[in-house]
């Protein structure tokens, strides 16, 4: 069990949360949710003792092992993949490494060496009683997409995304009773996310997880911790259960607030009319006291703001849309081999497949940013594509302020439309005067979506647009793609986003083949 007592966190005059009291029970898996900037990661760091709060404390029941997903991808550069995972149980790792060293360099005629080896064997037996450390690590790494022949490779040889997978394997291998995970699905493909869900659903201790993947939260969570208005409210159930309950509460509060506002207006009008009338002064004073008791501020609705993503098209789509014929591309090795498909009017395609399989390469070739080694891409004469690249956070840069940057992609004279578009993406008032180079990754993604809304293309090509977006923005994006009257091809690992818009699935496979399925993802899963 984990207890949170009177927890407060301030940065200068800014209060992230205050006077939080919680009991996190064994057997419950908590999803920690809240708007970007609400303090979710800060709260998680305090729970895992990586950060000291301004006041209050966190206590963990004696004897429980605590595991925290590390965010330092470069901490194990000189470790093999296998050793980096084993390091999750540092006591076992140290014992095995010392034992190996003694067997190579130790003097077996020295009684101290033999005594120490006996001690190390006891430690190994305590931490790994079935002596299956190698088998368990091999299974975990293979499930995360690392072939057996790579397990002795150095961590320094991996990409940042693959390093994060190893850190995830590391914390799961330790089998802690108390588990804290901040965005564990980052850099995972659909297959790895499904594997992780099954692992976490078997966790029998206390777990707190932050994720922007709604399907993931629905799959694993038994409870939701909602960080809002500097407080944390606990809901029983998964994300969808919370969403229904929270919206019901919000509706009730809005009705109550409207009722109080109307009552307030009537009381104020009465006080104004009769406060100067001596015969009515007593009644006016009574109404004034009633007015002072009306605490409308207590009836707060959620501080979250939902973006409004609406894609419109300037030009209707003709009968010919897009044809991809025998596209191949190699770098050091073959990435794409003879891919062909035809996009029909109304197709909204989810492009899926493991990380590194070539989804970004294919989209870059389709949009014309990359030349294929062979094959052709034929766009219909009426098609005006609009592109969301995966490296959006690197591309959006400069000294311009937000609305000036955005003006370059719409009708320059129509500043009002640009400002309205920014407002729909939650950049209001003075925020529109921010410098492009000063905004966060999530804000840059919202800027790129703003650009696409202004461009009004009739074929949207998106490469993992949900990265850096919060749950509310991902839901809005799914609705925007569903309601769009043009064509879509979108690479993503987010199940809820795929379910929201896709009527066709194209999956790139590890063996170089691909599957083209007409239907939604649920139907595709059943068939495959």
Protein backbone atom coordinates (compact mmCIF):
# COMPACT_ATOMS: atom_id res chain seq x y z
CA UNK A 1 0.00 0.00 0.00
CA UNK A 2 1.10 3.59 -0.74
CA UNK A 3 -0.11 6.54 1.36
CA UNK A 4 -0.01 10.18 0.28
CA UNK A 5 -0.42 12.65 3.13
CA UNK A 6 -1.05 16.41 2.79
CA UNK A 7 1.06 16.61 -0.36
CA UNK A 8 1.69 20.06 -1.83
CA UNK A 9 4.00 21.11 -4.68
CA UNK A 10 4.83 24.71 -5.53
CA UNK A 11 7.21 26.31 -8.00
CA UNK A 12 7.60 29.88 -6.79
CA UNK A 13 4.12 31.39 -6.71
CA UNK A 14 2.67 28.66 -8.93
CA UNK A 15 0.84 25.84 -7.11
CA UNK A 16 0.73 22.55 -9.06
CA UNK A 17 -1.32 20.70 -6.46
CA UNK A 18 -2.01 21.10 -2.75
CA UNK A 19 -3.08 19.08 0.26
CA UNK A 20 -3.39 15.78 -1.61
CA UNK A 21 -4.42 12.80 0.53
CA UNK A 22 -4.65 9.35 -1.07
CA UNK A 23 -4.41 5.67 -0.21
CA UNK A 24 -3.29 3.51 -3.14
CA UNK A 25 -4.28 -0.07 -2.46
CA UNK A 26 -2.66 -3.37 -3.44
CA UNK A 27 -4.52 -5.01 -6.30
CA UNK A 28 -5.47 -1.71 -7.97
CA UNK A 29 -4.01 -0.28 -11.18
CA UNK A 30 -4.36 3.49 -11.28
CA UNK A 31 -4.34 5.66 -14.39
CA UNK A 32 -3.13 9.19 -13.60
CA UNK A 33 -4.74 11.67 -15.99
CA UNK A 34 -4.91 15.44 -16.36
CA UNK A 35 -4.29 18.22 -18.85
CA UNK A 36 -0.77 18.89 -20.13
CA UNK A 37 1.05 20.96 -17.52
CA UNK A 38 -1.26 19.92 -14.67
CA UNK A 39 1.63 18.21 -12.87
CA UNK A 40 1.16 14.49 -13.61
CA UNK A 41 4.87 13.71 -14.14
CA UNK A 42 5.81 15.83 -11.13
CA UNK A 43 3.35 13.92 -8.95
CA UNK A 44 4.74 10.61 -10.27
CA UNK A 45 8.31 11.70 -9.45
CA UNK A 46 7.22 12.54 -5.90
CA UNK A 47 5.50 9.15 -5.55
CA UNK A 48 8.70 7.39 -6.67
CA UNK A 49 10.91 9.52 -4.37
CA UNK A 50 12.75 11.13 -7.30
CA UNK A 51 11.53 14.57 -6.23
CA UNK A 52 10.84 16.18 -2.88
CA UNK A 53 7.46 17.90 -2.43
CA UNK A 54 7.09 21.38 -0.95
CA UNK A 55 5.25 19.78 1.95
CA UNK A 56 3.63 16.48 2.88
CA UNK A 57 4.99 12.97 2.41
CA UNK A 58 4.61 9.64 0.62
CA UNK A 59 5.02 6.35 2.48
CA UNK A 60 5.27 2.84 1.05
CA UNK A 61 4.39 -0.24 3.10
CA UNK A 62 7.51 -1.89 4.52
CA UNK A 63 8.91 -4.78 2.53
CA UNK A 64 7.39 -3.82 -0.84
CA UNK A 65 9.73 -3.50 -3.83
CA UNK A 66 9.31 -0.28 -5.80
CA UNK A 67 9.96 -0.09 -9.55
CA UNK A 68 10.07 3.14 -11.58
CA UNK A 69 10.33 3.38 -15.36
CA UNK A 70 13.57 5.27 -16.02
CA UNK A 71 13.52 8.12 -18.54
CA UNK A 72 17.32 8.20 -19.01
CA UNK A 73 17.79 6.35 -22.28
CA UNK A 74 21.58 6.80 -22.26
CA UNK A 75 22.37 5.44 -18.78
CA UNK A 76 23.43 1.97 -19.99
CA UNK A 77 25.39 2.63 -23.20
CA UNK A 78 28.16 0.11 -22.36
CA UNK A 79 25.76 -2.63 -21.24
CA UNK A 80 24.55 -5.45 -23.47
CA UNK A 81 20.79 -5.55 -23.97
CA UNK A 82 20.57 -8.61 -21.74
CA UNK A 83 22.64 -7.02 -18.94
CA UNK A 84 20.66 -3.77 -19.09
CA UNK A 85 17.45 -5.71 -18.47
CA UNK A 86 19.02 -7.79 -15.69
CA UNK A 87 20.20 -4.56 -14.01
CA UNK A 88 16.56 -4.02 -13.07
CA UNK A 89 17.30 -6.46 -10.24
CA UNK A 90 20.57 -4.86 -9.18
CA UNK A 91 21.20 -7.30 -6.32
CA UNK A 92 21.01 -10.26 -8.72
CA UNK A 93 22.99 -8.44 -11.41
CA UNK A 94 25.82 -7.55 -9.02
CA UNK A 95 25.93 -11.10 -7.63
CA UNK A 96 26.09 -12.71 -11.09
CA UNK A 97 28.78 -10.32 -12.34
CA UNK A 98 30.92 -10.76 -9.22
CA UNK A 99 30.49 -14.54 -9.45
CA UNK A 100 31.56 -14.52 -13.11
CA UNK A 101 34.62 -12.43 -12.26
CA UNK A 102 35.63 -14.75 -9.41
CA UNK A 103 35.31 -17.84 -11.62
CA UNK A 104 37.64 -16.20 -14.15
CA UNK A 105 40.13 -14.44 -11.88
CA UNK A 106 39.63 -15.89 -8.39
CA UNK A 107 42.10 -18.06 -6.50
CA UNK A 108 40.13 -21.19 -5.60
CA UNK A 109 42.73 -22.20 -3.03
CA UNK A 110 41.82 -19.07 -1.08
CA UNK A 111 39.12 -19.92 1.45
CA UNK A 112 37.74 -16.35 1.31
CA UNK A 113 37.07 -16.70 -2.42
CA UNK A 114 35.13 -19.94 -1.90
CA UNK A 115 33.19 -18.45 1.00
CA UNK A 116 32.30 -15.44 -1.14
CA UNK A 117 31.18 -17.68 -4.01
CA UNK A 118 28.91 -19.54 -1.58
CA UNK A 119 27.41 -16.22 -0.44
CA UNK A 120 26.84 -15.16 -4.04
CA UNK A 121 25.12 -18.46 -4.84
CA UNK A 122 22.72 -17.84 -1.94
CA UNK A 123 21.92 -14.35 -3.28
CA UNK A 124 21.30 -15.75 -6.77
CA UNK A 125 19.02 -18.46 -5.35
CA UNK A 126 17.07 -15.87 -3.33
CA UNK A 127 16.59 -13.52 -6.28
CA UNK A 128 16.17 -16.19 -8.99
CA UNK A 129 15.03 -19.40 -7.26
CA UNK A 130 14.19 -21.20 -10.52
CA UNK A 131 17.49 -20.17 -12.20
CA UNK A 132 15.59 -18.91 -15.23
CA UNK A 133 17.06 -15.42 -15.45
CA UNK A 134 18.43 -15.97 -18.97
CA UNK A 135 15.21 -17.56 -20.24
CA UNK A 136 12.98 -14.85 -18.76
CA UNK A 137 15.08 -12.00 -20.18
CA UNK A 138 15.20 -13.69 -23.59
CA UNK A 139 11.38 -14.01 -23.63
CA UNK A 140 10.92 -10.37 -22.65
CA UNK A 141 13.37 -9.00 -25.21
CA UNK A 142 11.94 -11.17 -27.98
CA UNK A 143 8.40 -10.04 -27.16
CA UNK A 144 9.56 -6.42 -27.48
CA UNK A 145 10.92 -7.07 -30.95
CA UNK A 146 14.60 -7.84 -30.27
CA UNK A 147 15.74 -11.09 -31.99
CA UNK A 148 17.83 -13.49 -29.89
CA UNK A 149 20.98 -12.77 -31.93
CA UNK A 150 20.87 -9.10 -30.82
CA UNK A 151 20.70 -9.71 -27.05
CA UNK A 152 24.48 -9.41 -26.65
CA UNK A 153 24.60 -6.15 -28.65
CA UNK A 154 25.51 -2.97 -26.80
CA UNK A 155 22.83 -0.46 -25.83
CA UNK A 156 24.82 2.21 -27.67
CA UNK A 157 23.89 0.50 -30.95
CA UNK A 158 20.15 1.12 -30.46
CA UNK A 159 17.94 4.03 -31.47
CA UNK A 160 16.39 6.18 -28.74
CA UNK A 161 13.04 4.43 -29.10
CA UNK A 162 14.57 0.96 -28.74
CA UNK A 163 16.58 2.07 -25.70
CA UNK A 164 13.30 3.09 -24.08
CA UNK A 165 11.94 -0.42 -24.71
CA UNK A 166 14.93 -1.88 -22.83
CA UNK A 167 14.22 0.43 -19.88
CA UNK A 168 10.64 -0.85 -19.88
CA UNK A 169 11.87 -4.46 -19.92
CA UNK A 170 14.24 -3.58 -17.08
CA UNK A 171 11.57 -2.35 -14.68
CA UNK A 172 9.18 -5.21 -15.52
CA UNK A 173 11.88 -7.85 -15.04
CA UNK A 174 12.37 -6.67 -11.43
CA UNK A 175 8.73 -7.65 -10.69
CA UNK A 176 8.16 -4.85 -8.15
CA UNK A 177 5.04 -4.87 -6.00
CA UNK A 178 4.76 -1.07 -6.45
CA UNK A 179 5.12 0.05 -10.05
CA UNK A 180 5.28 3.63 -11.36
CA UNK A 181 5.16 4.05 -15.16
CA UNK A 182 5.28 7.41 -16.97
CA UNK A 183 4.22 7.03 -20.63
CA UNK A 184 5.28 3.36 -21.02
CA UNK A 185 3.70 3.05 -24.49
CA UNK A 186 5.98 5.70 -26.02
CA UNK A 187 7.92 4.21 -28.95
CA UNK A 188 5.98 0.92 -28.80
CA UNK A 189 4.19 -0.50 -31.82
CA UNK A 190 0.75 -2.13 -31.61
CA UNK A 191 2.13 -5.63 -31.01
CA UNK A 192 4.40 -4.46 -28.18
CA UNK A 193 1.59 -2.42 -26.60
CA UNK A 194 -0.67 -5.50 -26.64
CA UNK A 195 2.12 -7.53 -24.97
CA UNK A 196 2.60 -4.81 -22.33
CA UNK A 197 -1.12 -4.70 -21.59
CA UNK A 198 -1.12 -8.42 -20.85
CA UNK A 199 1.93 -8.08 -18.57
CA UNK A 200 0.41 -5.22 -16.59
CA UNK A 201 -3.02 -6.83 -16.23
CA UNK A 202 -1.26 -9.60 -14.30
CA UNK A 203 0.36 -7.13 -11.88
CA UNK A 204 -0.95 -7.90 -8.40
CA UNK A 205 0.53 -5.01 -6.42
CA UNK A 206 0.02 -1.24 -6.71
CA UNK A 207 0.49 0.39 -10.09
CA UNK A 208 0.26 4.03 -11.19
CA UNK A 209 0.57 4.77 -14.91
CA UNK A 210 0.49 7.96 -17.01
CA UNK A 211 -0.51 7.48 -20.63
CA UNK A 212 -2.10 9.40 -23.49
CA UNK A 213 -3.28 6.12 -25.02
CA UNK A 214 -6.97 5.80 -24.15
CA UNK A 215 -7.24 2.17 -25.30
CA UNK A 216 -4.27 1.27 -23.09
CA UNK A 217 -5.85 2.95 -20.05
CA UNK A 218 -9.16 1.21 -20.72
CA UNK A 219 -7.41 -2.13 -21.00
CA UNK A 220 -5.33 -2.05 -17.82
CA UNK A 221 -6.78 0.41 -15.29
CA UNK A 222 -9.08 -0.47 -12.41
CA UNK A 223 -9.12 3.11 -11.09
CA UNK A 224 -8.51 6.64 -12.40
CA UNK A 225 -6.75 9.47 -10.55
CA UNK A 226 -7.91 12.75 -12.08
CA UNK A 227 -5.52 15.67 -11.45
CA UNK A 228 -7.60 18.83 -11.90
CA UNK A 229 -7.92 22.15 -10.05
CA UNK A 230 -4.75 21.32 -8.05
CA UNK A 231 -6.57 18.33 -6.51
CA UNK A 232 -6.77 14.60 -7.27
CA UNK A 233 -10.12 12.85 -7.41
CA UNK A 234 -10.29 9.05 -7.53
CA UNK A 235 -12.80 7.23 -9.76
CA UNK A 236 -13.47 3.50 -9.81
CA UNK A 237 -13.20 1.98 -13.28
CA UNK A 238 -11.19 2.58 -16.44
CA UNK A 239 -10.84 5.72 -18.56
CA UNK A 240 -14.21 5.34 -20.29
CA UNK A 241 -15.93 4.88 -16.91
CA UNK A 242 -14.24 8.07 -15.69
CA UNK A 243 -15.16 9.93 -18.88
CA UNK A 244 -18.87 9.14 -18.50
CA UNK A 245 -18.89 9.95 -14.77
CA UNK A 246 -16.85 13.16 -15.15
CA UNK A 247 -19.07 14.46 -17.94
CA UNK A 248 -22.17 13.69 -15.87
CA UNK A 249 -20.70 15.56 -12.90
CA UNK A 250 -19.73 18.46 -15.16
CA UNK A 251 -23.25 18.64 -16.62
CA UNK A 252 -24.79 18.63 -13.15
CA UNK A 253 -22.40 21.38 -12.04
CA UNK A 254 -23.20 23.49 -15.10
CA UNK A 255 -26.93 23.19 -14.39
CA UNK A 256 -26.38 24.10 -10.74
CA UNK A 257 -24.10 26.99 -11.72
CA UNK A 258 -26.66 28.35 -14.19
CA UNK A 259 -29.35 28.08 -11.54
CA UNK A 260 -27.20 30.01 -9.05
CA UNK A 261 -26.26 32.63 -11.64
CA UNK A 262 -29.93 33.25 -12.38
CA UNK A 263 -30.68 33.48 -8.65
CA UNK A 264 -27.73 35.86 -8.23
CA UNK A 265 -29.02 38.14 -11.03
CA UNK A 266 -32.50 38.25 -9.45
CA UNK A 267 -31.10 39.07 -6.00
CA UNK A 268 -28.81 41.78 -7.39
CA UNK A 269 -31.72 43.34 -9.28
CA UNK A 270 -33.85 43.34 -6.10
CA UNK A 271 -31.07 44.93 -4.03
CA UNK A 272 -30.54 47.64 -6.66
CA UNK A 273 -34.26 48.46 -6.83
CA UNK A 274 -35.08 48.59 -3.14
CA UNK A 275 -31.88 49.39 -1.19
CA UNK A 276 -32.70 53.13 -1.40
CA UNK A 277 -36.35 52.57 -0.37
CA UNK A 278 -36.70 52.82 3.41
CA UNK A 279 -39.81 50.61 3.51
CA UNK A 280 -38.03 47.89 1.57
CA UNK A 281 -34.58 48.32 3.17
CA UNK A 282 -34.97 45.35 5.50
CA UNK A 283 -35.90 43.02 2.62
CA UNK A 284 -33.03 44.39 0.54
CA UNK A 285 -30.57 43.72 3.38
CA UNK A 286 -31.90 40.15 3.68
CA UNK A 287 -31.43 39.60 -0.07
CA UNK A 288 -27.90 41.02 0.14
CA UNK A 289 -27.02 38.44 2.80
CA UNK A 290 -28.46 35.68 0.58
CA UNK A 291 -26.34 37.02 -2.27
CA UNK A 292 -23.18 36.86 -0.18
CA UNK A 293 -23.86 33.22 0.67
CA UNK A 294 -24.02 32.19 -2.97
CA UNK A 295 -20.56 30.70 -3.63
CA UNK A 296 -20.60 30.17 -7.38
CA UNK A 297 -16.82 29.66 -7.51
CA UNK A 298 -17.20 26.36 -5.64
CA UNK A 299 -19.05 24.92 -8.62
CA UNK A 300 -16.04 24.39 -10.83
CA UNK A 301 -16.17 22.45 -14.04
CA UNK A 302 -13.02 20.80 -15.42
CA UNK A 303 -10.03 23.04 -16.15
CA UNK A 304 -9.37 20.96 -19.26
CA UNK A 305 -9.97 22.57 -22.61
CA UNK A 306 -10.83 20.42 -25.61
CA UNK A 307 -9.42 21.52 -28.96
CA UNK A 308 -11.77 21.70 -31.95
CA UNK A 309 -10.15 20.01 -34.95
CA UNK A 310 -12.17 20.56 -38.13
CA UNK A 311 -10.67 19.68 -41.51
CA UNK A 312 -12.43 21.25 -44.50
CA UNK A 313 -11.50 20.91 -48.16
CA UNK A 314 -11.22 23.67 -50.74
CA UNK A 315 -11.72 21.30 -53.65
CA UNK A 316 -13.91 18.25 -54.14
CA UNK A 317 -12.16 14.98 -54.96
CA UNK A 318 -12.55 13.46 -58.42
CA UNK A 319 -12.73 9.77 -59.27
CA UNK A 320 -8.94 9.29 -59.45
CA UNK A 321 -7.26 9.72 -56.07
CA UNK A 322 -3.88 7.99 -55.59
CA UNK A 323 -2.10 5.01 -57.08
CA UNK A 324 1.12 3.54 -55.65
CA UNK A 325 2.83 1.14 -58.07
CA UNK A 326 5.73 -1.18 -57.14
CA UNK A 327 7.45 1.24 -54.78
CA UNK A 328 10.83 0.02 -53.48
CA UNK A 329 13.42 1.79 -51.34
CA UNK A 330 16.73 0.73 -49.82
CA UNK A 331 19.17 2.49 -47.55
CA UNK A 332 21.85 0.22 -46.05
CA UNK A 333 19.30 -2.54 -46.47
CA UNK A 334 15.94 -2.90 -48.17
CA UNK A 335 13.18 -1.00 -46.35
CA UNK A 336 10.29 -1.18 -48.82
CA UNK A 337 9.93 -3.82 -51.52
CA UNK A 338 7.42 -3.51 -54.36
CA UNK A 339 4.47 -2.04 -52.50
CA UNK A 340 1.39 -1.34 -54.61
CA UNK A 341 -2.08 -0.14 -53.68
CA UNK A 342 -4.82 2.10 -55.03
CA UNK A 343 -6.69 4.65 -52.90
CA UNK A 344 -10.36 5.15 -53.75
CA UNK A 345 -12.53 8.13 -52.94
CA UNK A 346 -13.64 7.94 -49.28
CA UNK A 347 -10.76 5.69 -48.12
CA UNK A 348 -9.38 6.53 -44.69
CA UNK A 349 -6.33 4.34 -44.19
CA UNK A 350 -4.49 3.47 -40.98
CA UNK A 351 -0.89 2.56 -41.85
CA UNK A 352 0.42 0.20 -39.17
CA UNK A 353 3.43 -2.03 -38.53
CA UNK A 354 6.44 -2.41 -36.21
CA UNK A 355 8.80 0.49 -35.54
CA UNK A 356 11.46 0.85 -38.22
CA UNK A 357 9.48 -1.16 -40.78
CA UNK A 358 9.30 1.70 -43.31
CA UNK A 359 6.03 3.55 -42.62
CA UNK A 360 7.71 6.97 -42.55
CA UNK A 361 9.73 6.10 -45.67
CA UNK A 362 6.58 5.11 -47.54
CA UNK A 363 4.71 8.29 -46.54
CA UNK A 364 7.72 10.44 -47.46
CA UNK A 365 7.79 8.85 -50.93
CA UNK A 366 4.03 9.28 -51.37
CA UNK A 367 4.18 12.97 -50.44
CA UNK A 368 7.27 13.55 -52.62
CA UNK A 369 9.84 14.35 -49.92
CA UNK A 370 11.82 11.20 -50.74
CA UNK A 371 12.58 9.56 -54.07
CA UNK A 372 11.93 5.84 -54.43
CA UNK A 373 14.49 3.50 -56.01
CA UNK A 374 11.80 2.15 -58.31
CA UNK A 375 8.07 2.41 -58.90
CA UNK A 376 5.78 5.43 -59.27
CA UNK A 377 3.28 7.46 -57.25
CA UNK A 378 0.34 8.83 -59.27
CA UNK A 379 -1.85 11.52 -57.70
CA UNK A 380 -5.26 12.33 -59.19
CA UNK A 381 -5.58 15.69 -60.95
CA UNK A 382 -7.98 17.04 -58.29
CA UNK A 383 -5.91 16.01 -55.28
CA UNK A 384 -4.35 18.63 -52.98
CA UNK A 385 -2.47 16.76 -50.23
CA UNK A 386 -1.64 18.18 -46.80
CA UNK A 387 1.16 16.55 -44.79
CA UNK A 388 1.92 16.06 -41.10
CA UNK A 389 5.56 14.81 -40.89
CA UNK A 390 6.83 12.73 -37.97
CA UNK A 391 9.66 15.21 -37.28
CA UNK A 392 7.24 18.12 -36.81
CA UNK A 393 8.94 19.26 -33.58
CA UNK A 394 12.23 19.72 -35.48
CA UNK A 395 10.64 21.43 -38.48
CA UNK A 396 8.68 24.09 -36.62
CA UNK A 397 11.27 26.67 -35.60
CA UNK A 398 12.15 30.33 -36.02
CA UNK A 399 11.63 33.76 -34.50
CA UNK A 400 8.12 34.37 -35.84
CA UNK A 401 5.19 34.56 -33.46
CA UNK A 402 2.49 31.93 -33.83
CA UNK A 403 -0.09 33.74 -35.93
CA UNK A 404 2.60 35.17 -38.25
CA UNK A 405 4.02 31.68 -38.86
CA UNK A 406 0.56 30.32 -39.56
CA UNK A 407 -0.35 33.16 -41.91
CA UNK A 408 2.18 31.82 -44.40
CA UNK A 409 -0.01 28.76 -45.02
CA UNK A 410 -3.46 30.27 -45.33
CA UNK A 411 -4.99 33.33 -46.93
CA UNK A 412 -2.48 35.93 -45.72
CA UNK A 413 -5.02 38.75 -45.71
CA UNK A 414 -7.47 36.81 -43.52
CA UNK A 415 -5.87 37.31 -40.10
CA UNK A 416 -9.23 36.64 -38.43
CA UNK A 417 -9.37 33.09 -39.82
CA UNK A 418 -5.79 32.45 -38.65
CA UNK A 419 -6.59 33.66 -35.14
CA UNK A 420 -9.80 31.61 -34.99
CA UNK A 421 -7.86 28.53 -36.10
CA UNK A 422 -5.30 29.10 -33.33
CA UNK A 423 -8.14 29.55 -30.85
CA UNK A 424 -9.65 26.19 -31.84
CA UNK A 425 -6.26 24.64 -31.03
CA UNK A 426 -6.25 26.33 -27.57
CA UNK A 427 -3.91 29.22 -28.41
CA UNK A 428 -5.95 32.18 -27.20
CA UNK A 429 -5.24 35.86 -26.58
CA UNK A 430 -1.64 36.60 -25.69
CA UNK A 431 -0.63 32.97 -26.34
CA UNK A 432 -0.89 33.69 -30.07
CA UNK A 433 2.03 36.08 -29.68
CA UNK A 434 4.40 33.38 -28.42
CA UNK A 435 7.56 32.77 -30.39
CA UNK A 436 7.51 29.58 -32.47
CA UNK A 437 10.87 28.47 -31.05
CA UNK A 438 9.65 28.79 -27.44
CA UNK A 439 6.69 26.39 -27.59
CA UNK A 440 6.62 22.75 -26.45
CA UNK A 441 6.48 19.60 -28.58
CA UNK A 442 2.76 19.22 -27.95
CA UNK A 443 2.13 22.84 -28.93
CA UNK A 444 4.15 22.35 -32.14
CA UNK A 445 1.95 19.40 -33.03
CA UNK A 446 -1.13 21.54 -32.47
CA UNK A 447 0.43 24.22 -34.70
CA UNK A 448 0.96 21.67 -37.49
CA UNK A 449 -2.68 20.59 -37.20
CA UNK A 450 -3.65 24.29 -37.36
CA UNK A 451 -1.62 24.61 -40.55
CA UNK A 452 -3.42 21.61 -42.09
CA UNK A 453 -6.81 23.06 -41.17
CA UNK A 454 -5.89 26.32 -42.91
CA UNK A 455 -4.51 24.61 -46.01
CA UNK A 456 -7.84 22.80 -46.56
CA UNK A 457 -6.24 19.97 -48.51
CA UNK A 458 -8.52 17.15 -49.65
CA UNK A 459 -6.06 14.32 -48.88
CA UNK A 460 -4.47 14.27 -45.40
CA UNK A 461 -1.19 12.38 -44.96
CA UNK A 462 -0.20 12.09 -41.28
CA UNK A 463 2.84 10.40 -39.72
CA UNK A 464 2.24 9.68 -36.02
CA UNK A 465 0.41 12.96 -35.34
CA UNK A 466 -0.65 11.78 -31.86
CA UNK A 467 2.90 11.97 -30.47
CA UNK A 468 3.06 14.74 -27.83
CA UNK A 469 -0.73 15.22 -27.85
CA UNK A 470 -2.79 14.79 -24.70
CA UNK A 471 -5.88 12.58 -24.49
CA UNK A 472 -8.30 15.40 -25.25
CA UNK A 473 -6.38 16.43 -28.38
CA UNK A 474 -6.13 12.82 -29.63
CA UNK A 475 -9.89 12.37 -29.19
CA UNK A 476 -10.49 15.65 -31.08
CA UNK A 477 -8.12 14.51 -33.85
CA UNK A 478 -9.99 11.22 -34.22
CA UNK A 479 -13.30 13.09 -34.50
CA UNK A 480 -11.78 15.52 -37.01
CA UNK A 481 -10.51 12.71 -39.25
CA UNK A 482 -13.82 10.82 -38.98
CA UNK A 483 -15.85 13.87 -40.01
CA UNK A 484 -13.47 14.89 -42.82
CA UNK A 485 -15.00 14.57 -46.30
CA UNK A 486 -11.69 13.84 -48.04
CA UNK A 487 -9.15 11.00 -47.94
CA UNK A 488 -6.75 10.10 -45.12
CA UNK A 489 -3.66 7.96 -44.71
CA UNK A 490 -2.29 8.05 -41.17
CA UNK A 491 0.56 6.11 -39.54
CA UNK A 492 -0.12 5.61 -35.84
CA UNK A 493 0.18 3.10 -32.97
CA UNK A 494 -2.81 4.57 -31.10
CA UNK A 495 -5.67 2.05 -31.14
CA UNK A 496 -8.36 4.56 -30.21
CA UNK A 497 -7.28 6.91 -32.99
CA UNK A 498 -7.33 4.05 -35.50
CA UNK A 499 -10.77 2.95 -34.30
CA UNK A 500 -12.04 6.54 -34.59
CA UNK A 501 -11.41 7.11 -38.30
CA UNK A 502 -10.02 4.11 -40.24
CA UNK A 503 -12.13 2.16 -42.75
CA UNK A 504 -9.08 0.48 -44.30
CA UNK A 505 -5.92 -1.02 -42.79
CA UNK A 506 -2.54 -1.36 -44.49
CA UNK A 507 0.00 -3.26 -42.38
CA UNK A 508 3.68 -3.47 -43.30
CA UNK A 509 5.08 -6.81 -42.10
CA UNK A 510 8.56 -7.71 -40.84
CA UNK A 511 9.06 -10.25 -43.65
CA UNK A 512 8.77 -7.51 -46.30
CA UNK A 513 5.17 -8.27 -47.27
CA UNK A 514 2.15 -6.09 -46.55
CA UNK A 515 -1.55 -6.65 -45.94
CA UNK A 516 -4.25 -4.40 -47.45
CA UNK A 517 -7.57 -4.87 -45.63
CA UNK A 518 -10.81 -3.02 -46.30
CA UNK A 519 -12.61 -2.65 -43.01
CA UNK A 520 -11.96 -1.30 -39.52
CA UNK A 521 -9.25 -2.45 -37.14
CA UNK A 522 -11.53 -4.70 -35.08
CA UNK A 523 -12.55 -6.60 -38.21
CA UNK A 524 -8.90 -6.79 -39.27
CA UNK A 525 -7.89 -8.25 -35.90
CA UNK A 526 -10.60 -10.88 -36.11
CA UNK A 527 -9.58 -11.87 -39.62
CA UNK A 528 -5.85 -12.01 -38.91
